């Protein structure tokens, strides 16, 4: 047990974090289409004039899209429930049809019924 304690692995020291100047130089040197800058940015940047109006228009558009999404989601749920009900109805109708066909076969082929009963 004592030999394991002596074989301790020494990890290299961590490098110092970048300075503010190094960080800023790295950011300034990155291209404008770098994913760091474009991944969360809106698709279009509003110009300096009319910025508040564009923001309100975007908010209104997002609100209307959200309302349409919620309405469509509710409609899809209703239609899904209706389809589920119709599927169950069709399954029951199929079972009734199979029973009726079985009864018709017994009635239409009386020789087989008579031969088996007599």
PDB file of N, CA and C in Angstrom:
ATOM      1  N   UNK A   1       0.816  -1.179   0.000  1.00  0.00           N
ATOM      2  CA  UNK A   1       0.000   0.000   0.000  1.00  0.00           C
ATOM      3  C   UNK A   1       0.863   1.246   0.000  1.00  0.00           C
ATOM      4  N   UNK A   2       2.000   1.176   0.640  1.00  0.00           N
ATOM      5  CA  UNK A   2       2.892   2.313   0.721  1.00  0.00           C
ATOM      6  C   UNK A   2       3.500   2.655  -0.631  1.00  0.00           C
ATOM      7  N   UNK A   3       3.669   1.648  -1.520  1.00  0.00           N
ATOM      8  CA  UNK A   3       4.284   1.909  -2.817  1.00  0.00           C
ATOM      9  C   UNK A   3       3.341   2.689  -3.735  1.00  0.00           C
ATOM     10  N   UNK A   4       2.050   2.477  -3.582  1.00  0.00           N
ATOM     11  CA  UNK A   4       1.083   3.215  -4.403  1.00  0.00           C
ATOM     12  C   UNK A   4       1.068   4.690  -4.049  1.00  0.00           C
ATOM     13  N   UNK A   5       1.243   4.997  -2.810  1.00  0.00           N
ATOM     14  CA  UNK A   5       1.226   6.391  -2.395  1.00  0.00           C
ATOM     15  C   UNK A   5       2.441   7.130  -2.928  1.00  0.00           C
ATOM     16  N   UNK A   6       3.549   6.443  -3.137  1.00  0.00           N
ATOM     17  CA  UNK A   6       4.764   7.085  -3.626  1.00  0.00           C
ATOM     18  C   UNK A   6       4.695   7.381  -5.119  1.00  0.00           C
ATOM     19  N   UNK A   7       3.878   6.628  -5.901  1.00  0.00           N
ATOM     20  CA  UNK A   7       3.801   6.791  -7.349  1.00  0.00           C
ATOM     21  C   UNK A   7       2.716   7.807  -7.724  1.00  0.00           C
ATOM     22  N   UNK A   8       2.791   8.942  -7.208  1.00  0.00           N
ATOM     23  CA  UNK A   8       1.793   9.976  -7.476  1.00  0.00           C
ATOM     24  C   UNK A   8       2.154  10.690  -8.773  1.00  0.00           C
ATOM     25  N   UNK A   9       1.193  10.840  -9.662  1.00  0.00           N
ATOM     26  CA  UNK A   9       1.416  11.475 -10.953  1.00  0.00           C
ATOM     27  C   UNK A   9       1.294  12.979 -10.772  1.00  0.00           C
ATOM     28  N   UNK A  10       2.282  13.673 -11.258  1.00  0.00           N
ATOM     29  CA  UNK A  10       2.266  15.129 -11.167  1.00  0.00           C
ATOM     30  C   UNK A  10       1.735  15.676 -12.485  1.00  0.00           C
ATOM     31  N   UNK A  11       0.638  16.394 -12.409  1.00  0.00           N
ATOM     32  CA  UNK A  11       0.039  16.984 -13.603  1.00  0.00           C
ATOM     33  C   UNK A  11       0.729  18.296 -13.937  1.00  0.00           C
ATOM     34  N   UNK A  12       0.813  18.624 -15.209  1.00  0.00           N
ATOM     35  CA  UNK A  12       1.412  19.908 -15.560  1.00  0.00           C
ATOM     36  C   UNK A  12       0.519  21.043 -15.067  1.00  0.00           C
ATOM     37  N   UNK A  13       1.127  22.160 -14.799  1.00  0.00           N
ATOM     38  CA  UNK A  13       0.351  23.300 -14.312  1.00  0.00           C
ATOM     39  C   UNK A  13      -0.496  23.859 -15.441  1.00  0.00           C
ATOM     40  N   UNK A  14      -1.610  24.394 -15.096  1.00  0.00           N
ATOM     41  CA  UNK A  14      -2.507  24.970 -16.085  1.00  0.00           C
ATOM     42  C   UNK A  14      -1.923  26.272 -16.619  1.00  0.00           C
ATOM     43  N   UNK A  15      -2.172  26.526 -17.891  1.00  0.00           N
ATOM     44  CA  UNK A  15      -1.691  27.802 -18.420  1.00  0.00           C
ATOM     45  C   UNK A  15      -2.511  28.947 -17.825  1.00  0.00           C
ATOM     46  N   UNK A  16      -1.928  30.099 -17.803  1.00  0.00           N
ATOM     47  CA  UNK A  16      -2.627  31.271 -17.280  1.00  0.00           C
ATOM     48  C   UNK A  16      -3.736  31.647 -18.249  1.00  0.00           C
ATOM     49  N   UNK A  17      -4.867  32.128 -17.753  1.00  0.00           N
ATOM     50  CA  UNK A  17      -5.942  32.551 -18.659  1.00  0.00           C
ATOM     51  C   UNK A  17      -5.467  33.743 -19.486  1.00  0.00           C
ATOM     52  N   UNK A  18      -6.075  33.933 -20.653  1.00  0.00           N
ATOM     53  CA  UNK A  18      -5.649  35.050 -21.500  1.00  0.00           C
ATOM     54  C   UNK A  18      -5.959  36.390 -20.831  1.00  0.00           C
ATOM     55  N   UNK A  19      -5.155  37.344 -21.151  1.00  0.00           N
ATOM     56  CA  UNK A  19      -5.402  38.686 -20.624  1.00  0.00           C
ATOM     57  C   UNK A  19      -6.528  39.320 -21.414  1.00  0.00           C
ATOM     58  N   UNK A  20      -7.032  40.407 -20.926  1.00  0.00           N
ATOM     59  CA  UNK A  20      -8.113  41.111 -21.619  1.00  0.00           C
ATOM     60  C   UNK A  20      -7.639  41.545 -22.989  1.00  0.00           C
ATOM     61  N   UNK A  21      -6.407  42.016 -23.079  1.00  0.00           N
ATOM     62  CA  UNK A  21      -5.875  42.452 -24.359  1.00  0.00           C
ATOM     63  C   UNK A  21      -5.796  41.298 -25.355  1.00  0.00           C
ATOM     64  N   UNK A  22      -5.356  40.124 -24.883  1.00  0.00           N
ATOM     65  CA  UNK A  22      -5.288  38.956 -25.760  1.00  0.00           C
ATOM     66  C   UNK A  22      -6.685  38.535 -26.214  1.00  0.00           C
ATOM     67  N   UNK A  23      -7.619  38.591 -25.303  1.00  0.00           N
ATOM     68  CA  UNK A  23      -8.995  38.218 -25.623  1.00  0.00           C
ATOM     69  C   UNK A  23      -9.563  39.166 -26.672  1.00  0.00           C
ATOM     70  N   UNK A  24      -9.391  40.480 -26.460  1.00  0.00           N
ATOM     71  CA  UNK A  24      -9.909  41.467 -27.411  1.00  0.00           C
ATOM     72  C   UNK A  24      -9.228  41.336 -28.766  1.00  0.00           C
ATOM     73  N   UNK A  25      -7.934  41.076 -28.771  1.00  0.00           N
ATOM     74  CA  UNK A  25      -7.222  40.903 -30.032  1.00  0.00           C
ATOM     75  C   UNK A  25      -7.765  39.688 -30.787  1.00  0.00           C
ATOM     76  N   UNK A  26      -8.078  38.629 -30.075  1.00  0.00           N
ATOM     77  CA  UNK A  26      -8.629  37.433 -30.699  1.00  0.00           C
ATOM     78  C   UNK A  26     -10.003  37.715 -31.293  1.00  0.00           C
ATOM     79  N   UNK A  27     -10.837  38.437 -30.558  1.00  0.00           N
ATOM     80  CA  UNK A  27     -12.180  38.762 -31.045  1.00  0.00           C
ATOM     81  C   UNK A  27     -12.093  39.688 -32.249  1.00  0.00           C
ATOM     82  N   UNK A  28     -11.246  40.676 -32.179  1.00  0.00           N
ATOM     83  CA  UNK A  28     -11.104  41.619 -33.303  1.00  0.00           C
ATOM     84  C   UNK A  28     -10.547  40.930 -34.542  1.00  0.00           C
ATOM     85  N   UNK A  29      -9.729  39.924 -34.346  1.00  0.00           N
ATOM     86  CA  UNK A  29      -9.130  39.225 -35.479  1.00  0.00           C
ATOM     87  C   UNK A  29     -10.048  38.201 -36.120  1.00  0.00           C
ATOM     88  N   UNK A  30     -11.150  37.890 -35.483  1.00  0.00           N
ATOM     89  CA  UNK A  30     -12.066  36.885 -36.033  1.00  0.00           C
ATOM     90  C   UNK A  30     -12.869  37.499 -37.177  1.00  0.00           C
ATOM     91  N   UNK A  31     -13.160  36.715 -38.217  1.00  0.00           N
ATOM     92  CA  UNK A  31     -13.972  37.242 -39.327  1.00  0.00           C
ATOM     93  C   UNK A  31     -15.413  37.495 -38.873  1.00  0.00           C
ATOM     94  N   UNK A  32     -16.097  38.372 -39.587  1.00  0.00           N
ATOM     95  CA  UNK A  32     -17.475  38.735 -39.218  1.00  0.00           C
ATOM     96  C   UNK A  32     -18.434  37.560 -39.350  1.00  0.00           C
ATOM     97  N   UNK A  33     -18.130  36.595 -40.223  1.00  0.00           N
ATOM     98  CA  UNK A  33     -19.029  35.456 -40.395  1.00  0.00           C
ATOM     99  C   UNK A  33     -18.657  34.278 -39.500  1.00  0.00           C
ATOM    100  N   UNK A  34     -17.844  34.525 -38.498  1.00  0.00           N
ATOM    101  CA  UNK A  34     -17.472  33.494 -37.532  1.00  0.00           C
ATOM    102  C   UNK A  34     -18.736  33.004 -36.821  1.00  0.00           C
ATOM    103  N   UNK A  35     -18.913  31.688 -36.665  1.00  0.00           N
ATOM    104  CA  UNK A  35     -20.124  31.160 -36.029  1.00  0.00           C
ATOM    105  C   UNK A  35     -20.385  31.725 -34.634  1.00  0.00           C
ATOM    106  N   UNK A  36     -19.347  32.145 -33.950  1.00  0.00           N
ATOM    107  CA  UNK A  36     -19.549  32.719 -32.619  1.00  0.00           C
ATOM    108  C   UNK A  36     -20.411  33.972 -32.709  1.00  0.00           C
ATOM    109  N   UNK A  37     -20.235  34.725 -33.789  1.00  0.00           N
ATOM    110  CA  UNK A  37     -20.983  35.971 -33.935  1.00  0.00           C
ATOM    111  C   UNK A  37     -22.311  35.778 -34.640  1.00  0.00           C
ATOM    112  N   UNK A  38     -22.436  34.759 -35.459  1.00  0.00           N
ATOM    113  CA  UNK A  38     -23.633  34.611 -36.290  1.00  0.00           C
ATOM    114  C   UNK A  38     -24.631  33.597 -35.765  1.00  0.00           C
ATOM    115  N   UNK A  39     -24.247  32.728 -34.845  1.00  0.00           N
ATOM    116  CA  UNK A  39     -25.155  31.653 -34.439  1.00  0.00           C
ATOM    117  C   UNK A  39     -26.383  32.162 -33.700  1.00  0.00           C
ATOM    118  N   UNK A  40     -26.250  33.202 -32.899  1.00  0.00           N
ATOM    119  CA  UNK A  40     -27.391  33.716 -32.141  1.00  0.00           C
ATOM    120  C   UNK A  40     -27.888  35.052 -32.667  1.00  0.00           C
ATOM    121  N   UNK A  41     -27.288  35.564 -33.722  1.00  0.00           N
ATOM    122  CA  UNK A  41     -27.680  36.862 -34.257  1.00  0.00           C
ATOM    123  C   UNK A  41     -28.951  36.725 -35.072  1.00  0.00           C
ATOM    124  N   UNK A  42     -29.801  37.759 -35.084  1.00  0.00           N
ATOM    125  CA  UNK A  42     -30.993  37.708 -35.937  1.00  0.00           C
ATOM    126  C   UNK A  42     -30.579  37.685 -37.400  1.00  0.00           C
ATOM    127  N   UNK A  43     -31.480  37.211 -38.248  1.00  0.00           N
ATOM    128  CA  UNK A  43     -31.165  37.059 -39.665  1.00  0.00           C
ATOM    129  C   UNK A  43     -30.859  38.406 -40.318  1.00  0.00           C
ATOM    130  N   UNK A  44     -31.600  39.424 -39.958  1.00  0.00           N
ATOM    131  CA  UNK A  44     -31.376  40.749 -40.526  1.00  0.00           C
ATOM    132  C   UNK A  44     -31.152  41.737 -39.402  1.00  0.00           C
ATOM    133  N   UNK A  45     -30.180  42.598 -39.580  1.00  0.00           N
ATOM    134  CA  UNK A  45     -29.915  43.618 -38.581  1.00  0.00           C
ATOM    135  C   UNK A  45     -30.689  44.861 -38.956  1.00  0.00           C
ATOM    136  N   UNK A  46     -31.497  45.404 -38.051  1.00  0.00           N
ATOM    137  CA  UNK A  46     -32.221  46.619 -38.384  1.00  0.00           C
ATOM    138  C   UNK A  46     -31.245  47.786 -38.507  1.00  0.00           C
ATOM    139  N   UNK A  47     -31.563  48.689 -39.397  1.00  0.00           N
ATOM    140  CA  UNK A  47     -30.726  49.868 -39.593  1.00  0.00           C
ATOM    141  C   UNK A  47     -30.860  50.812 -38.415  1.00  0.00           C
ATOM    142  N   UNK A  48     -30.015  51.851 -38.360  1.00  0.00           N
ATOM    143  CA  UNK A  48     -30.058  52.775 -37.226  1.00  0.00           C
ATOM    144  C   UNK A  48     -31.353  53.574 -37.170  1.00  0.00           C
ATOM    145  N   UNK A  49     -31.977  53.860 -38.322  1.00  0.00           N
ATOM    146  CA  UNK A  49     -33.227  54.617 -38.296  1.00  0.00           C
ATOM    147  C   UNK A  49     -34.397  53.645 -38.272  1.00  0.00           C
ATOM    148  N   UNK A  50     -35.400  53.968 -37.474  1.00  0.00           N
ATOM    149  CA  UNK A  50     -36.580  53.116 -37.386  1.00  0.00           C
ATOM    150  C   UNK A  50     -36.334  51.825 -36.637  1.00  0.00           C
ATOM    151  N   UNK A  51     -35.365  51.791 -35.804  1.00  0.00           N
ATOM    152  CA  UNK A  51     -35.012  50.568 -35.092  1.00  0.00           C
ATOM    153  C   UNK A  51     -36.112  50.140 -34.129  1.00  0.00           C
ATOM    154  N   UNK A  52     -36.677  51.080 -33.409  1.00  0.00           N
ATOM    155  CA  UNK A  52     -37.755  50.748 -32.469  1.00  0.00           C
ATOM    156  C   UNK A  52     -38.986  50.252 -33.218  1.00  0.00           C
ATOM    157  N   UNK A  53     -39.266  50.865 -34.368  1.00  0.00           N
ATOM    158  CA  UNK A  53     -40.430  50.440 -35.148  1.00  0.00           C
ATOM    159  C   UNK A  53     -40.221  49.037 -35.686  1.00  0.00           C
ATOM    160  N   UNK A  54     -39.001  48.769 -36.169  1.00  0.00           N
ATOM    161  CA  UNK A  54     -38.717  47.425 -36.669  1.00  0.00           C
ATOM    162  C   UNK A  54     -38.846  46.391 -35.561  1.00  0.00           C
ATOM    163  N   UNK A  55     -38.376  46.738 -34.374  1.00  0.00           N
ATOM    164  CA  UNK A  55     -38.466  45.816 -33.243  1.00  0.00           C
ATOM    165  C   UNK A  55     -39.916  45.545 -32.896  1.00  0.00           C
ATOM    166  N   UNK A  56     -40.739  46.598 -32.879  1.00  0.00           N
ATOM    167  CA  UNK A  56     -42.165  46.395 -32.585  1.00  0.00           C
ATOM    168  C   UNK A  56     -42.826  45.564 -33.661  1.00  0.00           C
ATOM    169  N   UNK A  57     -42.450  45.811 -34.913  1.00  0.00           N
ATOM    170  CA  UNK A  57     -43.022  45.029 -36.005  1.00  0.00           C
ATOM    171  C   UNK A  57     -42.606  43.565 -35.878  1.00  0.00           C
ATOM    172  N   UNK A  58     -41.344  43.335 -35.522  1.00  0.00           N
ATOM    173  CA  UNK A  58     -40.883  41.958 -35.332  1.00  0.00           C
ATOM    174  C   UNK A  58     -41.618  41.293 -34.175  1.00  0.00           C
ATOM    175  N   UNK A  59     -41.807  42.045 -33.092  1.00  0.00           N
ATOM    176  CA  UNK A  59     -42.524  41.489 -31.948  1.00  0.00           C
ATOM    177  C   UNK A  59     -43.954  41.138 -32.324  1.00  0.00           C
ATOM    178  N   UNK A  60     -44.592  42.020 -33.075  1.00  0.00           N
ATOM    179  CA  UNK A  60     -45.968  41.755 -33.510  1.00  0.00           C
ATOM    180  C   UNK A  60     -46.009  40.528 -34.415  1.00  0.00           C
ATOM    181  N   UNK A  61     -45.045  40.436 -35.325  1.00  0.00           N
ATOM    182  CA  UNK A  61     -44.995  39.292 -36.226  1.00  0.00           C
ATOM    183  C   UNK A  61     -44.781  37.995 -35.438  1.00  0.00           C
ATOM    184  N   UNK A  62     -43.865  38.019 -34.468  1.00  0.00           N
ATOM    185  CA  UNK A  62     -43.631  36.834 -33.639  1.00  0.00           C
ATOM    186  C   UNK A  62     -44.873  36.472 -32.831  1.00  0.00           C
ATOM    187  N   UNK A  63     -45.563  37.492 -32.327  1.00  0.00           N
ATOM    188  CA  UNK A  63     -46.785  37.242 -31.564  1.00  0.00           C
ATOM    189  C   UNK A  63     -47.831  36.570 -32.452  1.00  0.00           C
ATOM    190  N   UNK A  64     -48.005  37.103 -33.666  1.00  0.00           N
ATOM    191  CA  UNK A  64     -48.994  36.520 -34.574  1.00  0.00           C
ATOM    192  C   UNK A  64     -48.590  35.099 -34.980  1.00  0.00           C
ATOM    193  N   UNK A  65     -47.304  34.880 -35.185  1.00  0.00           N
ATOM    194  CA  UNK A  65     -46.846  33.526 -35.498  1.00  0.00           C
ATOM    195  C   UNK A  65     -47.107  32.582 -34.329  1.00  0.00           C
ATOM    196  N   UNK A  66     -46.889  33.065 -33.118  1.00  0.00           N
ATOM    197  CA  UNK A  66     -47.133  32.238 -31.934  1.00  0.00           C
ATOM    198  C   UNK A  66     -48.608  31.894 -31.814  1.00  0.00           C
ATOM    199  N   UNK A  67     -49.461  32.884 -32.048  1.00  0.00           N
ATOM    200  CA  UNK A  67     -50.909  32.631 -31.991  1.00  0.00           C
ATOM    201  C   UNK A  67     -51.313  31.607 -33.041  1.00  0.00           C
ATOM    202  N   UNK A  68     -50.776  31.770 -34.252  1.00  0.00           N
ATOM    203  CA  UNK A  68     -51.107  30.826 -35.321  1.00  0.00           C
ATOM    204  C   UNK A  68     -50.615  29.426 -34.957  1.00  0.00           C
ATOM    205  N   UNK A  69     -49.433  29.345 -34.357  1.00  0.00           N
ATOM    206  CA  UNK A  69     -48.891  28.050 -33.948  1.00  0.00           C
ATOM    207  C   UNK A  69     -49.792  27.393 -32.909  1.00  0.00           C
ATOM    208  N   UNK A  70     -50.216  28.165 -31.911  1.00  0.00           N
ATOM    209  CA  UNK A  70     -51.067  27.602 -30.855  1.00  0.00           C
ATOM    210  C   UNK A  70     -52.395  27.142 -31.448  1.00  0.00           C
ATOM    211  N   UNK A  71     -52.982  27.961 -32.336  1.00  0.00           N
ATOM    212  CA  UNK A  71     -54.254  27.579 -32.959  1.00  0.00           C
ATOM    213  C   UNK A  71     -54.089  26.315 -33.796  1.00  0.00           C
ATOM    214  N   UNK A  72     -53.008  26.251 -34.561  1.00  0.00           N
ATOM    215  CA  UNK A  72     -52.773  25.071 -35.394  1.00  0.00           C
ATOM    216  C   UNK A  72     -52.532  23.847 -34.526  1.00  0.00           C
ATOM    217  N   UNK A  73     -51.817  24.010 -33.439  1.00  0.00           N
ATOM    218  CA  UNK A  73     -51.560  22.898 -32.528  1.00  0.00           C
ATOM    219  C   UNK A  73     -52.875  22.371 -31.942  1.00  0.00           C
ATOM    220  N   UNK A  74     -53.747  23.272 -31.527  1.00  0.00           N
ATOM    221  CA  UNK A  74     -55.041  22.850 -30.989  1.00  0.00           C
ATOM    222  C   UNK A  74     -55.867  22.137 -32.052  1.00  0.00           C
ATOM    223  N   UNK A  75     -55.840  22.666 -33.278  1.00  0.00           N
ATOM    224  CA  UNK A  75     -56.590  22.032 -34.358  1.00  0.00           C
ATOM    225  C   UNK A  75     -56.028  20.635 -34.652  1.00  0.00           C
ATOM    226  N   UNK A  76     -54.711  20.508 -34.652  1.00  0.00           N
ATOM    227  CA  UNK A  76     -54.105  19.199 -34.891  1.00  0.00           C
ATOM    228  C   UNK A  76     -54.472  18.208 -33.793  1.00  0.00           C
ATOM    229  N   UNK A  77     -54.549  18.670 -32.567  1.00  0.00           N
ATOM    230  CA  UNK A  77     -54.954  17.771 -31.485  1.00  0.00           C
ATOM    231  C   UNK A  77     -56.393  17.315 -31.673  1.00  0.00           C
ATOM    232  N   UNK A  78     -57.282  18.258 -32.057  1.00  0.00           N
ATOM    233  CA  UNK A  78     -58.683  17.877 -32.294  1.00  0.00           C
ATOM    234  C   UNK A  78     -58.786  16.872 -33.436  1.00  0.00           C
ATOM    235  N   UNK A  79     -58.095  17.161 -34.536  1.00  0.00           N
ATOM    236  CA  UNK A  79     -58.148  16.272 -35.695  1.00  0.00           C
ATOM    237  C   UNK A  79     -57.534  14.917 -35.350  1.00  0.00           C
ATOM    238  N   UNK A  80     -56.466  14.929 -34.557  1.00  0.00           N
ATOM    239  CA  UNK A  80     -55.860  13.667 -34.137  1.00  0.00           C
ATOM    240  C   UNK A  80     -56.829  12.823 -33.326  1.00  0.00           C
ATOM    241  N   UNK A  81     -57.561  13.475 -32.427  1.00  0.00           N
ATOM    242  CA  UNK A  81     -58.566  12.743 -31.642  1.00  0.00           C
ATOM    243  C   UNK A  81     -59.677  12.207 -32.533  1.00  0.00           C
ATOM    244  N   UNK A  82     -60.082  13.009 -33.524  1.00  0.00           N
ATOM    245  CA  UNK A  82     -61.122  12.547 -34.446  1.00  0.00           C
ATOM    246  C   UNK A  82     -60.625  11.341 -35.252  1.00  0.00           C
ATOM    247  N   UNK A  83     -59.388  11.415 -35.721  1.00  0.00           N
ATOM    248  CA  UNK A  83     -58.836  10.288 -36.475  1.00  0.00           C
ATOM    249  C   UNK A  83     -58.744   9.037 -35.623  1.00  0.00           C
ATOM    250  N   UNK A  84     -58.371   9.211 -34.378  1.00  0.00           N
ATOM    251  CA  UNK A  84     -58.290   8.060 -33.473  1.00  0.00           C
ATOM    252  C   UNK A  84     -59.668   7.427 -33.301  1.00  0.00           C
ATOM    253  N   UNK A  85     -60.693   8.257 -33.135  1.00  0.00           N
ATOM    254  CA  UNK A  85     -62.059   7.758 -32.985  1.00  0.00           C
ATOM    255  C   UNK A  85     -62.518   7.041 -34.249  1.00  0.00           C
ATOM    256  N   UNK A  86     -62.223   7.625 -35.415  1.00  0.00           N
ATOM    257  CA  UNK A  86     -62.634   6.997 -36.675  1.00  0.00           C
ATOM    258  C   UNK A  86     -61.890   5.684 -36.900  1.00  0.00           C
ATOM    259  N   UNK A  87     -60.644   5.625 -36.477  1.00  0.00           N
ATOM    260  CA  UNK A  87     -59.878   4.378 -36.604  1.00  0.00           C
ATOM    261  C   UNK A  87     -60.508   3.286 -35.742  1.00  0.00           C
ATOM    262  N   UNK A  88     -60.888   3.649 -34.519  1.00  0.00           N
ATOM    263  CA  UNK A  88     -61.552   2.678 -33.649  1.00  0.00           C
ATOM    264  C   UNK A  88     -62.885   2.253 -34.246  1.00  0.00           C
ATOM    265  N   UNK A  89     -63.630   3.202 -34.825  1.00  0.00           N
ATOM    266  CA  UNK A  89     -64.902   2.856 -35.477  1.00  0.00           C
ATOM    267  C   UNK A  89     -64.677   1.884 -36.637  1.00  0.00           C
ATOM    268  N   UNK A  90     -63.635   2.151 -37.429  1.00  0.00           N
ATOM    269  CA  UNK A  90     -63.341   1.261 -38.556  1.00  0.00           C
ATOM    270  C   UNK A  90     -62.934  -0.135 -38.076  1.00  0.00           C
ATOM    271  N   UNK A  91     -62.194  -0.205 -36.996  1.00  0.00           N
ATOM    272  CA  UNK A  91     -61.810  -1.514 -36.468  1.00  0.00           C
ATOM    273  C   UNK A  91     -63.044  -2.289 -36.012  1.00  0.00           C
ATOM    274  N   UNK A  92     -63.949  -1.605 -35.328  1.00  0.00           N
ATOM    275  CA  UNK A  92     -65.184  -2.282 -34.897  1.00  0.00           C
ATOM    276  C   UNK A  92     -66.025  -2.708 -36.097  1.00  0.00           C
ATOM    277  N   UNK A  93     -66.101  -1.854 -37.114  1.00  0.00           N
ATOM    278  CA  UNK A  93     -66.859  -2.204 -38.318  1.00  0.00           C
ATOM    279  C   UNK A  93     -66.215  -3.398 -39.023  1.00  0.00           C
ATOM    280  N   UNK A  94     -64.897  -3.447 -39.053  1.00  0.00           N
ATOM    281  CA  UNK A  94     -64.203  -4.584 -39.662  1.00  0.00           C
ATOM    282  C   UNK A  94     -64.490  -5.873 -38.924  1.00  0.00           C
ATOM    283  N   UNK A  95     -64.510  -5.797 -37.582  1.00  0.00           N
ATOM    284  CA  UNK A  95     -64.827  -7.001 -36.793  1.00  0.00           C
ATOM    285  C   UNK A  95     -66.254  -7.464 -37.066  1.00  0.00           C
ATOM    286  N   UNK A  96     -67.209  -6.506 -37.135  1.00  0.00           N
ATOM    287  CA  UNK A  96     -68.607  -6.872 -37.441  1.00  0.00           C
ATOM    288  C   UNK A  96     -68.713  -7.488 -38.832  1.00  0.00           C
ATOM    289  N   UNK A  97     -67.979  -6.921 -39.778  1.00  0.00           N
ATOM    290  CA  UNK A  97     -68.006  -7.434 -41.146  1.00  0.00           C
ATOM    291  C   UNK A  97     -67.469  -8.857 -41.202  1.00  0.00           C
ATOM    292  N   UNK A  98     -66.394  -9.122 -40.484  1.00  0.00           N
ATOM    293  CA  UNK A  98     -65.842 -10.478 -40.462  1.00  0.00           C
ATOM    294  C   UNK A  98     -66.835 -11.466 -39.848  1.00  0.00           C
ATOM    295  N   UNK A  99     -67.540 -11.046 -38.773  1.00  0.00           N
ATOM    296  CA  UNK A  99     -68.553 -11.920 -38.165  1.00  0.00           C
ATOM    297  C   UNK A  99     -69.697 -12.174 -39.146  1.00  0.00           C
ATOM    298  N   UNK A 100     -70.155 -11.112 -39.813  1.00  0.00           N
ATOM    299  CA  UNK A 100     -71.263 -11.260 -40.767  1.00  0.00           C
ATOM    300  C   UNK A 100     -70.866 -12.155 -41.940  1.00  0.00           C
ATOM    301  N   UNK A 101     -69.649 -12.000 -42.434  1.00  0.00           N
ATOM    302  CA  UNK A 101     -69.189 -12.851 -43.539  1.00  0.00           C
ATOM    303  C   UNK A 101     -69.127 -14.302 -43.073  1.00  0.00           C
ATOM    304  N   UNK A 102     -68.668 -14.499 -41.853  1.00  0.00           N
ATOM    305  CA  UNK A 102     -68.634 -15.870 -41.322  1.00  0.00           C
ATOM    306  C   UNK A 102     -70.028 -16.467 -41.227  1.00  0.00           C
ATOM    307  N   UNK A 103     -71.010 -15.660 -40.795  1.00  0.00           N
ATOM    308  CA  UNK A 103     -72.390 -16.153 -40.709  1.00  0.00           C
ATOM    309  C   UNK A 103     -72.957 -16.434 -42.096  1.00  0.00           C
ATOM    310  N   UNK A 104     -72.632 -15.564 -43.061  1.00  0.00           N
ATOM    311  CA  UNK A 104     -73.127 -15.783 -44.426  1.00  0.00           C
ATOM    312  C   UNK A 104     -72.549 -17.055 -45.019  1.00  0.00           C
ATOM    313  N   UNK A 105     -71.292 -17.341 -44.725  1.00  0.00           N
ATOM    314  CA  UNK A 105     -70.690 -18.566 -45.247  1.00  0.00           C
ATOM    315  C   UNK A 105     -71.401 -19.790 -44.692  1.00  0.00           C
ATOM    316  N   UNK A 106     -71.790 -19.722 -43.432  1.00  0.00           N
ATOM    317  CA  UNK A 106     -72.488 -20.869 -42.830  1.00  0.00           C
ATOM    318  C   UNK A 106     -73.874 -21.018 -43.435  1.00  0.00           C
ATOM    319  N   UNK A 107     -74.549 -19.912 -43.703  1.00  0.00           N
ATOM    320  CA  UNK A 107     -75.898 -19.975 -44.281  1.00  0.00           C
ATOM    321  C   UNK A 107     -75.827 -20.358 -45.753  1.00  0.00           C
ATOM    322  N   UNK A 108     -74.868 -19.855 -46.487  1.00  0.00           N
ATOM    323  CA  UNK A 108     -74.780 -20.100 -47.928  1.00  0.00           C
ATOM    324  C   UNK A 108     -74.330 -21.518 -48.245  1.00  0.00           C
ATOM    325  N   UNK A 109     -73.654 -22.157 -47.337  1.00  0.00           N
ATOM    326  CA  UNK A 109     -73.189 -23.520 -47.557  1.00  0.00           C
ATOM    327  C   UNK A 109     -73.912 -24.483 -46.597  1.00  0.00           C
ATOM    328  N   UNK A 110     -75.218 -24.695 -46.833  1.00  0.00           N
ATOM    329  CA  UNK A 110     -75.939 -25.534 -45.906  1.00  0.00           C
ATOM    330  C   UNK A 110     -75.506 -26.999 -45.947  1.00  0.00           C
ATOM    331  N   UNK A 111     -74.946 -27.437 -47.035  1.00  0.00           N
ATOM    332  CA  UNK A 111     -74.510 -28.859 -47.119  1.00  0.00           C
ATOM    333  C   UNK A 111     -73.416 -29.149 -46.108  1.00  0.00           C
ATOM    334  N   UNK A 112     -72.541 -28.192 -45.876  1.00  0.00           N
ATOM    335  CA  UNK A 112     -71.477 -28.455 -44.921  1.00  0.00           C
ATOM    336  C   UNK A 112     -72.005 -28.456 -43.520  1.00  0.00           C
ATOM    337  N   UNK A 113     -73.014 -27.603 -43.266  1.00  0.00           N
ATOM    338  CA  UNK A 113     -73.583 -27.544 -41.949  1.00  0.00           C
ATOM    339  C   UNK A 113     -74.399 -28.829 -41.705  1.00  0.00           C
ATOM    340  N   UNK A 114     -75.181 -29.259 -42.718  1.00  0.00           N
ATOM    341  CA  UNK A 114     -76.010 -30.445 -42.567  1.00  0.00           C
ATOM    342  C   UNK A 114     -75.127 -31.684 -42.419  1.00  0.00           C
ATOM    343  N   UNK A 115     -74.054 -31.733 -43.173  1.00  0.00           N
ATOM    344  CA  UNK A 115     -73.194 -32.904 -43.109  1.00  0.00           C
ATOM    345  C   UNK A 115     -72.516 -33.005 -41.742  1.00  0.00           C
ATOM    346  N   UNK A 116     -72.169 -31.864 -41.188  1.00  0.00           N
ATOM    347  CA  UNK A 116     -71.493 -31.908 -39.909  1.00  0.00           C
ATOM    348  C   UNK A 116     -72.480 -32.157 -38.770  1.00  0.00           C
ATOM    349  N   UNK A 117     -73.750 -31.773 -38.925  1.00  0.00           N
ATOM    350  CA  UNK A 117     -74.716 -31.955 -37.849  1.00  0.00           C
ATOM    351  C   UNK A 117     -75.383 -33.324 -37.937  1.00  0.00           C
ATOM    352  N   UNK A 118     -75.417 -33.970 -39.077  1.00  0.00           N
ATOM    353  CA  UNK A 118     -76.180 -35.191 -39.266  1.00  0.00           C
ATOM    354  C   UNK A 118     -75.373 -36.382 -39.356  1.00  0.00           C
TER     355      UNK A 118
END
